[in-house]
């Protein structure tokens, strides 16, 4: 799973640097199409793998359900706080951490349901999520003040991410974890992703797809890309040995400390914006396009080699272990 997280992290970084590389050669032709698919799978992949992790932890011998929920609530609140702090840096980046934190707060409760209940609930959440987003945008206004700016924006109204469409992907991850990422469960995951992506392509070809985050078009694409991508990467990653495994170690290190890596890349963007103007960043897009992912991977690899667990992951673990 660390390899899948690492690739999702690279996709997240490339989606962020794309604001300076919109006219670059990598955004044209077939390469541009493939790059767009890769970068768009980052956030839903993080949600899917977060669900898998929550599910696997709950299956450990001696795991106490109530304690796990409370610890996940603390973890979710910390994600929310970190996300809000990063958002206050006023970068052009759409921060995802607080949306993932809110998803974890709700999702950890749903993760305690039996498969008999969680499976149909996941299907229902997936079916109604984009519909709820559309109805909310049509019915709710900014006159609601803080209620509009925070809870409702996180749940349905955000132009970037919505809990209503992240939550069913999280729940799908919990379901996959109950078969312990077996080859069969990964093939089922890829199959569901293929069906969703076929729906996405159908909407695209017929011109019925609305290219707006939180719509059915966007949601089907997210499911397809994240489910297929995760299944393929986990299956391939489990079969890597020797030199191949060593070559991807910087990626797996980045995935193992995905929270620290995410915060680091945002801080790198802040530093870039302080020392270089936008015109320079646009004309030298390749510096950020190549340099930022390499810097984050190198930092993660060096830290893991020297100290093991990532700094924020270590602090988060110390805090949550104190929760009774």
C-alpha atoms as a PDB file:
ATOM      1  CA  UNK A   1       0.000   0.000   0.000  1.00  0.00           C
ATOM      2  CA  UNK A   2       2.921   2.356   0.613  1.00  0.00           C
ATOM      3  CA  UNK A   3       3.818   2.245  -3.077  1.00  0.00           C
ATOM      4  CA  UNK A   4       0.240   3.191  -4.009  1.00  0.00           C
ATOM      5  CA  UNK A   5       0.308   6.038  -1.466  1.00  0.00           C
ATOM      6  CA  UNK A   6       3.648   7.205  -2.822  1.00  0.00           C
ATOM      7  CA  UNK A   7       2.384   7.309  -6.401  1.00  0.00           C
ATOM      8  CA  UNK A   8      -0.745   9.131  -5.234  1.00  0.00           C
ATOM      9  CA  UNK A   9       1.517  11.622  -3.477  1.00  0.00           C
ATOM     10  CA  UNK A  10       3.464  12.249  -6.684  1.00  0.00           C
ATOM     11  CA  UNK A  11       0.156  12.679  -8.515  1.00  0.00           C
ATOM     12  CA  UNK A  12      -0.951  15.216  -5.912  1.00  0.00           C
ATOM     13  CA  UNK A  13       2.287  17.190  -6.316  1.00  0.00           C
ATOM     14  CA  UNK A  14       2.030  17.193 -10.117  1.00  0.00           C
ATOM     15  CA  UNK A  15      -1.575  18.369  -9.916  1.00  0.00           C
ATOM     16  CA  UNK A  16      -0.375  21.290  -7.798  1.00  0.00           C
ATOM     17  CA  UNK A  17       2.544  22.288 -10.044  1.00  0.00           C
ATOM     18  CA  UNK A  18       0.207  22.118 -13.038  1.00  0.00           C
ATOM     19  CA  UNK A  19      -0.975  25.624 -12.170  1.00  0.00           C
ATOM     20  CA  UNK A  20       2.399  26.795 -13.533  1.00  0.00           C
ATOM     21  CA  UNK A  21       2.603  24.308 -16.402  1.00  0.00           C
ATOM     22  CA  UNK A  22      -0.760  24.645 -18.145  1.00  0.00           C
ATOM     23  CA  UNK A  23       0.899  25.607 -21.454  1.00  0.00           C
ATOM     24  CA  UNK A  24       3.817  23.191 -21.102  1.00  0.00           C
ATOM     25  CA  UNK A  25       4.387  20.376 -23.659  1.00  0.00           C
ATOM     26  CA  UNK A  26       3.518  17.739 -21.041  1.00  0.00           C
ATOM     27  CA  UNK A  27      -0.069  19.005 -21.030  1.00  0.00           C
ATOM     28  CA  UNK A  28      -0.650  18.431 -24.740  1.00  0.00           C
ATOM     29  CA  UNK A  29      -1.564  15.335 -26.735  1.00  0.00           C
ATOM     30  CA  UNK A  30      -1.656  11.817 -25.342  1.00  0.00           C
ATOM     31  CA  UNK A  31       0.893  12.649 -22.640  1.00  0.00           C
ATOM     32  CA  UNK A  32      -1.359  15.406 -21.354  1.00  0.00           C
ATOM     33  CA  UNK A  33      -4.359  13.069 -21.241  1.00  0.00           C
ATOM     34  CA  UNK A  34      -2.421  10.412 -19.308  1.00  0.00           C
ATOM     35  CA  UNK A  35      -0.989  13.016 -16.946  1.00  0.00           C
ATOM     36  CA  UNK A  36      -4.472  14.359 -16.269  1.00  0.00           C
ATOM     37  CA  UNK A  37      -5.754  10.893 -15.401  1.00  0.00           C
ATOM     38  CA  UNK A  38      -2.779  10.296 -13.102  1.00  0.00           C
ATOM     39  CA  UNK A  39      -3.073  13.567 -11.201  1.00  0.00           C
ATOM     40  CA  UNK A  40      -6.850  13.266 -10.802  1.00  0.00           C
ATOM     41  CA  UNK A  41      -6.578   9.912  -9.038  1.00  0.00           C
ATOM     42  CA  UNK A  42      -4.512  11.255  -6.117  1.00  0.00           C
ATOM     43  CA  UNK A  43      -7.158  12.454  -3.622  1.00  0.00           C
ATOM     44  CA  UNK A  44      -9.599   9.532  -4.108  1.00  0.00           C
ATOM     45  CA  UNK A  45      -6.689   7.091  -3.801  1.00  0.00           C
ATOM     46  CA  UNK A  46      -5.744   8.601  -0.439  1.00  0.00           C
ATOM     47  CA  UNK A  47      -9.378   8.206   0.693  1.00  0.00           C
ATOM     48  CA  UNK A  48      -9.508   4.590  -0.511  1.00  0.00           C
ATOM     49  CA  UNK A  49      -6.257   3.641   1.223  1.00  0.00           C
ATOM     50  CA  UNK A  50      -7.298   5.459   4.402  1.00  0.00           C
ATOM     51  CA  UNK A  51     -10.368   3.217   4.470  1.00  0.00           C
ATOM     52  CA  UNK A  52      -8.197   0.139   3.919  1.00  0.00           C
ATOM     53  CA  UNK A  53      -5.927   1.151   6.817  1.00  0.00           C
ATOM     54  CA  UNK A  54      -8.852   1.754   9.187  1.00  0.00           C
ATOM     55  CA  UNK A  55     -10.306  -1.619   8.233  1.00  0.00           C
ATOM     56  CA  UNK A  56      -7.033  -3.510   8.693  1.00  0.00           C
ATOM     57  CA  UNK A  57      -6.351  -1.939  12.105  1.00  0.00           C
ATOM     58  CA  UNK A  58      -9.839  -2.924  13.298  1.00  0.00           C
ATOM     59  CA  UNK A  59      -9.070  -6.564  12.448  1.00  0.00           C
ATOM     60  CA  UNK A  60      -5.966  -6.791  14.624  1.00  0.00           C
ATOM     61  CA  UNK A  61      -6.145  -9.227  17.541  1.00  0.00           C
ATOM     62  CA  UNK A  62      -7.315  -7.488  20.700  1.00  0.00           C
ATOM     63  CA  UNK A  63      -8.581  -4.399  18.877  1.00  0.00           C
ATOM     64  CA  UNK A  64     -11.249  -2.561  20.898  1.00  0.00           C
ATOM     65  CA  UNK A  65     -13.849  -0.957  18.638  1.00  0.00           C
ATOM     66  CA  UNK A  66     -14.705   2.007  20.876  1.00  0.00           C
ATOM     67  CA  UNK A  67     -11.059   2.868  21.452  1.00  0.00           C
ATOM     68  CA  UNK A  68     -10.309   2.698  17.719  1.00  0.00           C
ATOM     69  CA  UNK A  69     -13.190   5.064  16.959  1.00  0.00           C
ATOM     70  CA  UNK A  70     -11.989   7.572  19.550  1.00  0.00           C
ATOM     71  CA  UNK A  71      -8.429   7.395  18.220  1.00  0.00           C
ATOM     72  CA  UNK A  72      -9.647   7.903  14.661  1.00  0.00           C
ATOM     73  CA  UNK A  73     -11.679  10.907  15.820  1.00  0.00           C
ATOM     74  CA  UNK A  74      -8.523  12.421  17.318  1.00  0.00           C
ATOM     75  CA  UNK A  75      -6.620  11.652  14.119  1.00  0.00           C
ATOM     76  CA  UNK A  76      -9.405  13.177  12.039  1.00  0.00           C
ATOM     77  CA  UNK A  77      -9.450  16.360  14.129  1.00  0.00           C
ATOM     78  CA  UNK A  78      -5.673  16.686  13.758  1.00  0.00           C
ATOM     79  CA  UNK A  79      -6.020  16.323   9.975  1.00  0.00           C
ATOM     80  CA  UNK A  80      -8.668  19.048  10.020  1.00  0.00           C
ATOM     81  CA  UNK A  81      -6.499  21.400  12.077  1.00  0.00           C
ATOM     82  CA  UNK A  82      -3.463  20.782   9.860  1.00  0.00           C
ATOM     83  CA  UNK A  83      -5.562  21.310   6.746  1.00  0.00           C
ATOM     84  CA  UNK A  84      -6.948  24.608   8.016  1.00  0.00           C
ATOM     85  CA  UNK A  85      -3.465  25.810   8.993  1.00  0.00           C
ATOM     86  CA  UNK A  86      -2.092  24.961   5.540  1.00  0.00           C
ATOM     87  CA  UNK A  87      -5.072  26.667   3.902  1.00  0.00           C
ATOM     88  CA  UNK A  88      -4.212  29.864   5.804  1.00  0.00           C
ATOM     89  CA  UNK A  89      -0.889  30.014   3.949  1.00  0.00           C
ATOM     90  CA  UNK A  90      -2.931  31.290   0.978  1.00  0.00           C
ATOM     91  CA  UNK A  91      -1.293  29.195  -1.721  1.00  0.00           C
ATOM     92  CA  UNK A  92      -3.144  28.379  -4.969  1.00  0.00           C
ATOM     93  CA  UNK A  93      -3.239  24.746  -3.790  1.00  0.00           C
ATOM     94  CA  UNK A  94      -6.575  23.135  -2.922  1.00  0.00           C
ATOM     95  CA  UNK A  95      -5.766  21.561   0.461  1.00  0.00           C
ATOM     96  CA  UNK A  96      -7.351  18.131   0.935  1.00  0.00           C
ATOM     97  CA  UNK A  97      -6.331  17.306   4.530  1.00  0.00           C
ATOM     98  CA  UNK A  98      -9.369  18.752   6.325  1.00  0.00           C
ATOM     99  CA  UNK A  99     -11.720  16.976   3.908  1.00  0.00           C
ATOM    100  CA  UNK A 100      -9.965  13.678   4.609  1.00  0.00           C
ATOM    101  CA  UNK A 101     -10.121  14.434   8.333  1.00  0.00           C
ATOM    102  CA  UNK A 102     -13.878  15.042   8.213  1.00  0.00           C
ATOM    103  CA  UNK A 103     -14.271  11.855   6.164  1.00  0.00           C
ATOM    104  CA  UNK A 104     -12.350   9.896   8.801  1.00  0.00           C
ATOM    105  CA  UNK A 105     -14.543  11.268  11.603  1.00  0.00           C
ATOM    106  CA  UNK A 106     -17.684   9.973   9.865  1.00  0.00           C
ATOM    107  CA  UNK A 107     -16.128   6.949   8.192  1.00  0.00           C
ATOM    108  CA  UNK A 108     -14.605   5.317  11.262  1.00  0.00           C
ATOM    109  CA  UNK A 109     -18.109   4.917  12.716  1.00  0.00           C
ATOM    110  CA  UNK A 110     -19.397   3.324   9.509  1.00  0.00           C
ATOM    111  CA  UNK A 111     -16.353   1.035   9.465  1.00  0.00           C
ATOM    112  CA  UNK A 112     -17.746  -0.745  12.564  1.00  0.00           C
ATOM    113  CA  UNK A 113     -20.763  -1.979  10.590  1.00  0.00           C
ATOM    114  CA  UNK A 114     -20.842  -5.553   9.370  1.00  0.00           C
ATOM    115  CA  UNK A 115     -20.271  -6.190   5.680  1.00  0.00           C
ATOM    116  CA  UNK A 116     -23.958  -7.051   5.359  1.00  0.00           C
ATOM    117  CA  UNK A 117     -24.824  -3.439   6.227  1.00  0.00           C
ATOM    118  CA  UNK A 118     -21.752  -1.569   5.020  1.00  0.00           C
ATOM    119  CA  UNK A 119     -21.851  -2.864   1.442  1.00  0.00           C
ATOM    120  CA  UNK A 120     -25.371  -1.635   0.576  1.00  0.00           C
ATOM    121  CA  UNK A 121     -24.772   1.592   2.515  1.00  0.00           C
ATOM    122  CA  UNK A 122     -21.634   2.249   0.444  1.00  0.00           C
ATOM    123  CA  UNK A 123     -23.621   1.739  -2.761  1.00  0.00           C
ATOM    124  CA  UNK A 124     -26.332   4.129  -1.540  1.00  0.00           C
ATOM    125  CA  UNK A 125     -23.775   6.783  -0.525  1.00  0.00           C
ATOM    126  CA  UNK A 126     -22.108   6.505  -3.930  1.00  0.00           C
ATOM    127  CA  UNK A 127     -25.449   6.779  -5.726  1.00  0.00           C
ATOM    128  CA  UNK A 128     -26.785   9.810  -3.855  1.00  0.00           C
ATOM    129  CA  UNK A 129     -23.563  11.756  -3.133  1.00  0.00           C
ATOM    130  CA  UNK A 130     -23.343  13.685  -6.437  1.00  0.00           C
ATOM    131  CA  UNK A 131     -27.117  14.239  -6.373  1.00  0.00           C
ATOM    132  CA  UNK A 132     -26.857  15.773  -2.887  1.00  0.00           C
ATOM    133  CA  UNK A 133     -24.033  18.019  -4.116  1.00  0.00           C
ATOM    134  CA  UNK A 134     -26.122  19.275  -7.030  1.00  0.00           C
ATOM    135  CA  UNK A 135     -29.209  19.915  -4.886  1.00  0.00           C
ATOM    136  CA  UNK A 136     -27.140  21.658  -2.202  1.00  0.00           C
ATOM    137  CA  UNK A 137     -25.501  24.002  -4.712  1.00  0.00           C
ATOM    138  CA  UNK A 138     -28.893  24.917  -6.104  1.00  0.00           C
ATOM    139  CA  UNK A 139     -30.597  25.436  -2.735  1.00  0.00           C
ATOM    140  CA  UNK A 140     -27.966  26.832  -0.362  1.00  0.00           C
ATOM    141  CA  UNK A 141     -26.514  30.327  -0.441  1.00  0.00           C
ATOM    142  CA  UNK A 142     -23.562  32.108   1.133  1.00  0.00           C
ATOM    143  CA  UNK A 143     -26.035  34.032   3.334  1.00  0.00           C
ATOM    144  CA  UNK A 144     -25.739  31.169   5.828  1.00  0.00           C
ATOM    145  CA  UNK A 145     -22.434  32.625   7.053  1.00  0.00           C
ATOM    146  CA  UNK A 146     -20.075  30.294   8.926  1.00  0.00           C
ATOM    147  CA  UNK A 147     -22.399  27.338   8.331  1.00  0.00           C
ATOM    148  CA  UNK A 148     -21.872  27.811   4.592  1.00  0.00           C
ATOM    149  CA  UNK A 149     -18.142  28.506   4.884  1.00  0.00           C
ATOM    150  CA  UNK A 150     -17.216  25.453   6.930  1.00  0.00           C
ATOM    151  CA  UNK A 151     -19.516  22.422   7.500  1.00  0.00           C
ATOM    152  CA  UNK A 152     -21.576  22.772   4.321  1.00  0.00           C
ATOM    153  CA  UNK A 153     -18.581  23.612   2.147  1.00  0.00           C
ATOM    154  CA  UNK A 154     -16.698  20.584   3.436  1.00  0.00           C
ATOM    155  CA  UNK A 155     -19.679  18.294   2.999  1.00  0.00           C
ATOM    156  CA  UNK A 156     -21.083  19.348  -0.370  1.00  0.00           C
ATOM    157  CA  UNK A 157     -20.259  22.837  -1.640  1.00  0.00           C
ATOM    158  CA  UNK A 158     -16.481  22.894  -2.080  1.00  0.00           C
ATOM    159  CA  UNK A 159     -15.264  23.495  -5.646  1.00  0.00           C
ATOM    160  CA  UNK A 160     -12.458  20.975  -5.064  1.00  0.00           C
ATOM    161  CA  UNK A 161     -13.421  18.141  -2.677  1.00  0.00           C
ATOM    162  CA  UNK A 162     -16.621  17.013  -0.936  1.00  0.00           C
ATOM    163  CA  UNK A 163     -17.089  14.565   1.940  1.00  0.00           C
ATOM    164  CA  UNK A 164     -20.246  13.298   0.216  1.00  0.00           C
ATOM    165  CA  UNK A 165     -18.165  11.819  -2.604  1.00  0.00           C
ATOM    166  CA  UNK A 166     -15.018  10.952  -0.611  1.00  0.00           C
ATOM    167  CA  UNK A 167     -16.896   8.971   2.068  1.00  0.00           C
ATOM    168  CA  UNK A 168     -18.172   6.136  -0.192  1.00  0.00           C
ATOM    169  CA  UNK A 169     -14.636   5.670  -1.554  1.00  0.00           C
ATOM    170  CA  UNK A 170     -13.371   5.421   2.037  1.00  0.00           C
ATOM    171  CA  UNK A 171     -16.067   2.828   2.787  1.00  0.00           C
ATOM    172  CA  UNK A 172     -15.030   0.850  -0.296  1.00  0.00           C
ATOM    173  CA  UNK A 173     -11.521   0.724   1.154  1.00  0.00           C
ATOM    174  CA  UNK A 174     -12.886  -0.670   4.421  1.00  0.00           C
ATOM    175  CA  UNK A 175     -14.718  -3.385   2.480  1.00  0.00           C
ATOM    176  CA  UNK A 176     -11.578  -4.336   0.541  1.00  0.00           C
ATOM    177  CA  UNK A 177      -9.638  -4.617   3.818  1.00  0.00           C
ATOM    178  CA  UNK A 178     -12.014  -7.328   5.025  1.00  0.00           C
ATOM    179  CA  UNK A 179     -10.523  -9.639   2.422  1.00  0.00           C
ATOM    180  CA  UNK A 180      -7.029  -8.479   3.475  1.00  0.00           C
ATOM    181  CA  UNK A 181      -6.142  -7.151   0.031  1.00  0.00           C
ATOM    182  CA  UNK A 182      -6.313 -10.638  -1.470  1.00  0.00           C
ATOM    183  CA  UNK A 183      -5.865 -11.033  -5.217  1.00  0.00           C
ATOM    184  CA  UNK A 184      -9.580 -11.726  -5.517  1.00  0.00           C
ATOM    185  CA  UNK A 185     -10.599  -8.561  -3.659  1.00  0.00           C
ATOM    186  CA  UNK A 186      -8.186  -6.477  -5.749  1.00  0.00           C
ATOM    187  CA  UNK A 187      -9.608  -7.931  -8.960  1.00  0.00           C
ATOM    188  CA  UNK A 188     -13.122  -7.091  -7.748  1.00  0.00           C
ATOM    189  CA  UNK A 189     -11.908  -3.573  -6.926  1.00  0.00           C
ATOM    190  CA  UNK A 190     -10.432  -3.216 -10.419  1.00  0.00           C
ATOM    191  CA  UNK A 191     -13.650  -4.570 -11.935  1.00  0.00           C
ATOM    192  CA  UNK A 192     -15.802  -2.036 -10.096  1.00  0.00           C
ATOM    193  CA  UNK A 193     -13.366   0.654 -11.168  1.00  0.00           C
ATOM    194  CA  UNK A 194     -13.590  -0.460 -14.795  1.00  0.00           C
ATOM    195  CA  UNK A 195     -17.405  -0.287 -14.735  1.00  0.00           C
ATOM    196  CA  UNK A 196     -17.281   3.191 -13.162  1.00  0.00           C
ATOM    197  CA  UNK A 197     -14.722   4.397 -15.676  1.00  0.00           C
ATOM    198  CA  UNK A 198     -16.810   3.044 -18.544  1.00  0.00           C
ATOM    199  CA  UNK A 199     -19.676   5.173 -17.214  1.00  0.00           C
ATOM    200  CA  UNK A 200     -17.337   8.163 -17.050  1.00  0.00           C
ATOM    201  CA  UNK A 201     -16.274   7.632 -20.682  1.00  0.00           C
ATOM    202  CA  UNK A 202     -19.892   7.205 -21.776  1.00  0.00           C
ATOM    203  CA  UNK A 203     -20.841  10.544 -20.219  1.00  0.00           C
ATOM    204  CA  UNK A 204     -17.787  12.128 -21.823  1.00  0.00           C
ATOM    205  CA  UNK A 205     -18.480  10.776 -25.325  1.00  0.00           C
ATOM    206  CA  UNK A 206     -22.169  11.695 -25.209  1.00  0.00           C
ATOM    207  CA  UNK A 207     -21.412  15.186 -23.905  1.00  0.00           C
ATOM    208  CA  UNK A 208     -23.569  14.615 -20.820  1.00  0.00           C
ATOM    209  CA  UNK A 209     -20.733  14.953 -18.328  1.00  0.00           C
ATOM    210  CA  UNK A 210     -20.481  18.147 -16.277  1.00  0.00           C
ATOM    211  CA  UNK A 211     -16.811  18.881 -15.657  1.00  0.00           C
ATOM    212  CA  UNK A 212     -17.293  20.101 -12.103  1.00  0.00           C
ATOM    213  CA  UNK A 213     -16.006  18.421  -8.917  1.00  0.00           C
ATOM    214  CA  UNK A 214     -18.712  16.468  -7.126  1.00  0.00           C
ATOM    215  CA  UNK A 215     -20.828  15.639 -10.191  1.00  0.00           C
ATOM    216  CA  UNK A 216     -21.587  12.097 -11.353  1.00  0.00           C
ATOM    217  CA  UNK A 217     -19.119  12.597 -14.205  1.00  0.00           C
ATOM    218  CA  UNK A 218     -16.312  13.595 -11.848  1.00  0.00           C
ATOM    219  CA  UNK A 219     -17.220  10.949  -9.265  1.00  0.00           C
ATOM    220  CA  UNK A 220     -17.269   8.056 -11.745  1.00  0.00           C
ATOM    221  CA  UNK A 221     -13.894   9.139 -13.076  1.00  0.00           C
ATOM    222  CA  UNK A 222     -12.467   9.292  -9.543  1.00  0.00           C
ATOM    223  CA  UNK A 223     -13.764   5.822  -8.690  1.00  0.00           C
ATOM    224  CA  UNK A 224     -12.457   4.349 -11.929  1.00  0.00           C
ATOM    225  CA  UNK A 225      -8.992   5.851 -11.722  1.00  0.00           C
ATOM    226  CA  UNK A 226      -8.416   5.221  -8.008  1.00  0.00           C
ATOM    227  CA  UNK A 227      -9.832   1.683  -7.913  1.00  0.00           C
ATOM    228  CA  UNK A 228      -8.016   0.464 -11.031  1.00  0.00           C
ATOM    229  CA  UNK A 229      -4.791   2.280 -10.178  1.00  0.00           C
ATOM    230  CA  UNK A 230      -4.688   1.004  -6.584  1.00  0.00           C
ATOM    231  CA  UNK A 231      -5.437  -2.592  -7.586  1.00  0.00           C
ATOM    232  CA  UNK A 232      -2.741  -2.615 -10.273  1.00  0.00           C
ATOM    233  CA  UNK A 233      -0.083  -0.950  -8.105  1.00  0.00           C
ATOM    234  CA  UNK A 234      -0.687  -3.245  -5.100  1.00  0.00           C
ATOM    235  CA  UNK A 235      -0.642  -6.378  -7.281  1.00  0.00           C
ATOM    236  CA  UNK A 236       2.538  -5.295  -9.084  1.00  0.00           C
ATOM    237  CA  UNK A 237       4.176  -3.973  -5.908  1.00  0.00           C
ATOM    238  CA  UNK A 238       3.745  -7.304  -4.114  1.00  0.00           C
ATOM    239  CA  UNK A 239       5.709  -8.963  -6.913  1.00  0.00           C
ATOM    240  CA  UNK A 240       8.696  -6.624  -6.875  1.00  0.00           C
ATOM    241  CA  UNK A 241      11.936  -8.079  -5.550  1.00  0.00           C
ATOM    242  CA  UNK A 242      15.621  -7.258  -5.390  1.00  0.00           C
ATOM    243  CA  UNK A 243      16.714  -4.343  -7.551  1.00  0.00           C
ATOM    244  CA  UNK A 244      13.165  -3.420  -8.558  1.00  0.00           C
ATOM    245  CA  UNK A 245      12.092  -3.086  -4.926  1.00  0.00           C
ATOM    246  CA  UNK A 246      15.159  -0.977  -4.130  1.00  0.00           C
ATOM    247  CA  UNK A 247      14.442   1.319  -7.078  1.00  0.00           C
ATOM    248  CA  UNK A 248      10.954   2.148  -5.806  1.00  0.00           C
ATOM    249  CA  UNK A 249      12.072   2.585  -2.205  1.00  0.00           C
ATOM    250  CA  UNK A 250      11.955   6.420  -2.369  1.00  0.00           C
ATOM    251  CA  UNK A 251       8.325   6.120  -3.504  1.00  0.00           C
ATOM    252  CA  UNK A 252       7.411   3.635  -0.774  1.00  0.00           C
ATOM    253  CA  UNK A 253       9.165   5.818   1.807  1.00  0.00           C
ATOM    254  CA  UNK A 254       7.076   8.760   0.653  1.00  0.00           C
ATOM    255  CA  UNK A 255       3.942   6.615   0.906  1.00  0.00           C
ATOM    256  CA  UNK A 256       4.856   5.386   4.386  1.00  0.00           C
ATOM    257  CA  UNK A 257       4.969   8.999   5.610  1.00  0.00           C
ATOM    258  CA  UNK A 258       2.318  10.420   3.307  1.00  0.00           C
ATOM    259  CA  UNK A 259       1.116  12.994   5.867  1.00  0.00           C
ATOM    260  CA  UNK A 260       4.604  14.408   6.419  1.00  0.00           C
ATOM    261  CA  UNK A 261       5.273  14.326   2.665  1.00  0.00           C
ATOM    262  CA  UNK A 262       2.038  16.193   1.950  1.00  0.00           C
ATOM    263  CA  UNK A 263       2.807  18.950   4.445  1.00  0.00           C
ATOM    264  CA  UNK A 264       6.386  19.185   3.151  1.00  0.00           C
ATOM    265  CA  UNK A 265       5.301  19.669  -0.458  1.00  0.00           C
ATOM    266  CA  UNK A 266       2.877  22.447   0.550  1.00  0.00           C
ATOM    267  CA  UNK A 267       5.675  24.190   2.470  1.00  0.00           C
ATOM    268  CA  UNK A 268       7.959  23.821  -0.564  1.00  0.00           C
ATOM    269  CA  UNK A 269       5.330  25.564  -2.677  1.00  0.00           C
ATOM    270  CA  UNK A 270       5.115  28.364  -0.121  1.00  0.00           C
ATOM    271  CA  UNK A 271       8.900  28.751  -0.260  1.00  0.00           C
ATOM    272  CA  UNK A 272       8.856  28.819  -4.073  1.00  0.00           C
ATOM    273  CA  UNK A 273       6.195  31.518  -4.084  1.00  0.00           C
ATOM    274  CA  UNK A 274       8.292  33.589  -1.676  1.00  0.00           C
ATOM    275  CA  UNK A 275      11.550  33.419  -3.681  1.00  0.00           C
ATOM    276  CA  UNK A 276      10.247  33.397  -7.274  1.00  0.00           C
ATOM    277  CA  UNK A 277       7.534  35.319  -9.083  1.00  0.00           C
ATOM    278  CA  UNK A 278       4.726  33.635 -10.989  1.00  0.00           C
ATOM    279  CA  UNK A 279       6.203  34.462 -14.408  1.00  0.00           C
ATOM    280  CA  UNK A 280       9.473  32.717 -13.555  1.00  0.00           C
ATOM    281  CA  UNK A 281       7.596  29.671 -12.268  1.00  0.00           C
ATOM    282  CA  UNK A 282       5.566  29.494 -15.482  1.00  0.00           C
ATOM    283  CA  UNK A 283       8.578  29.812 -17.795  1.00  0.00           C
ATOM    284  CA  UNK A 284      10.616  27.386 -15.669  1.00  0.00           C
ATOM    285  CA  UNK A 285       7.759  24.956 -15.034  1.00  0.00           C
ATOM    286  CA  UNK A 286      10.077  21.963 -15.320  1.00  0.00           C
ATOM    287  CA  UNK A 287      11.927  23.032 -12.155  1.00  0.00           C
ATOM    288  CA  UNK A 288       8.834  22.477 -10.019  1.00  0.00           C
ATOM    289  CA  UNK A 289       7.459  19.650 -12.165  1.00  0.00           C
ATOM    290  CA  UNK A 290      10.573  17.545 -11.632  1.00  0.00           C
ATOM    291  CA  UNK A 291      12.265  19.148  -8.658  1.00  0.00           C
ATOM    292  CA  UNK A 292       9.464  19.162  -6.086  1.00  0.00           C
ATOM    293  CA  UNK A 293       8.569  15.435  -6.387  1.00  0.00           C
ATOM    294  CA  UNK A 294      12.263  14.496  -6.302  1.00  0.00           C
ATOM    295  CA  UNK A 295      12.897  16.677  -3.240  1.00  0.00           C
ATOM    296  CA  UNK A 296       9.957  15.183  -1.345  1.00  0.00           C
ATOM    297  CA  UNK A 297      10.920  11.608  -2.258  1.00  0.00           C
ATOM    298  CA  UNK A 298      14.567  12.206  -1.338  1.00  0.00           C
ATOM    299  CA  UNK A 299      13.600  13.748   2.002  1.00  0.00           C
ATOM    300  CA  UNK A 300      11.239  10.860   2.799  1.00  0.00           C
ATOM    301  CA  UNK A 301      13.845   8.268   1.834  1.00  0.00           C
ATOM    302  CA  UNK A 302      16.582   9.939   3.888  1.00  0.00           C
ATOM    303  CA  UNK A 303      14.318  10.333   6.924  1.00  0.00           C
ATOM    304  CA  UNK A 304      13.089   6.741   6.788  1.00  0.00           C
ATOM    305  CA  UNK A 305      16.639   5.432   6.410  1.00  0.00           C
ATOM    306  CA  UNK A 306      17.808   7.391   9.433  1.00  0.00           C
ATOM    307  CA  UNK A 307      14.787   7.521  11.761  1.00  0.00           C
ATOM    308  CA  UNK A 308      12.084   5.203  10.407  1.00  0.00           C
ATOM    309  CA  UNK A 309       8.565   6.531  10.933  1.00  0.00           C
ATOM    310  CA  UNK A 310       7.828  10.016   9.533  1.00  0.00           C
ATOM    311  CA  UNK A 311       7.904  12.995  11.939  1.00  0.00           C
ATOM    312  CA  UNK A 312       4.189  13.815  11.795  1.00  0.00           C
ATOM    313  CA  UNK A 313       3.275  10.122  11.770  1.00  0.00           C
ATOM    314  CA  UNK A 314       5.402   9.620  14.883  1.00  0.00           C
ATOM    315  CA  UNK A 315       3.737  12.538  16.672  1.00  0.00           C
ATOM    316  CA  UNK A 316       0.280  11.402  15.593  1.00  0.00           C
ATOM    317  CA  UNK A 317       0.951   7.910  16.913  1.00  0.00           C
ATOM    318  CA  UNK A 318       2.132   9.229  20.278  1.00  0.00           C
ATOM    319  CA  UNK A 319      -1.008  11.353  20.629  1.00  0.00           C
ATOM    320  CA  UNK A 320      -3.502   8.680  19.594  1.00  0.00           C
ATOM    321  CA  UNK A 321      -1.898   6.011  21.785  1.00  0.00           C
ATOM    322  CA  UNK A 322      -2.811   8.131  24.808  1.00  0.00           C
ATOM    323  CA  UNK A 323      -6.511   7.964  23.921  1.00  0.00           C
ATOM    324  CA  UNK A 324      -8.230   5.434  26.240  1.00  0.00           C
END
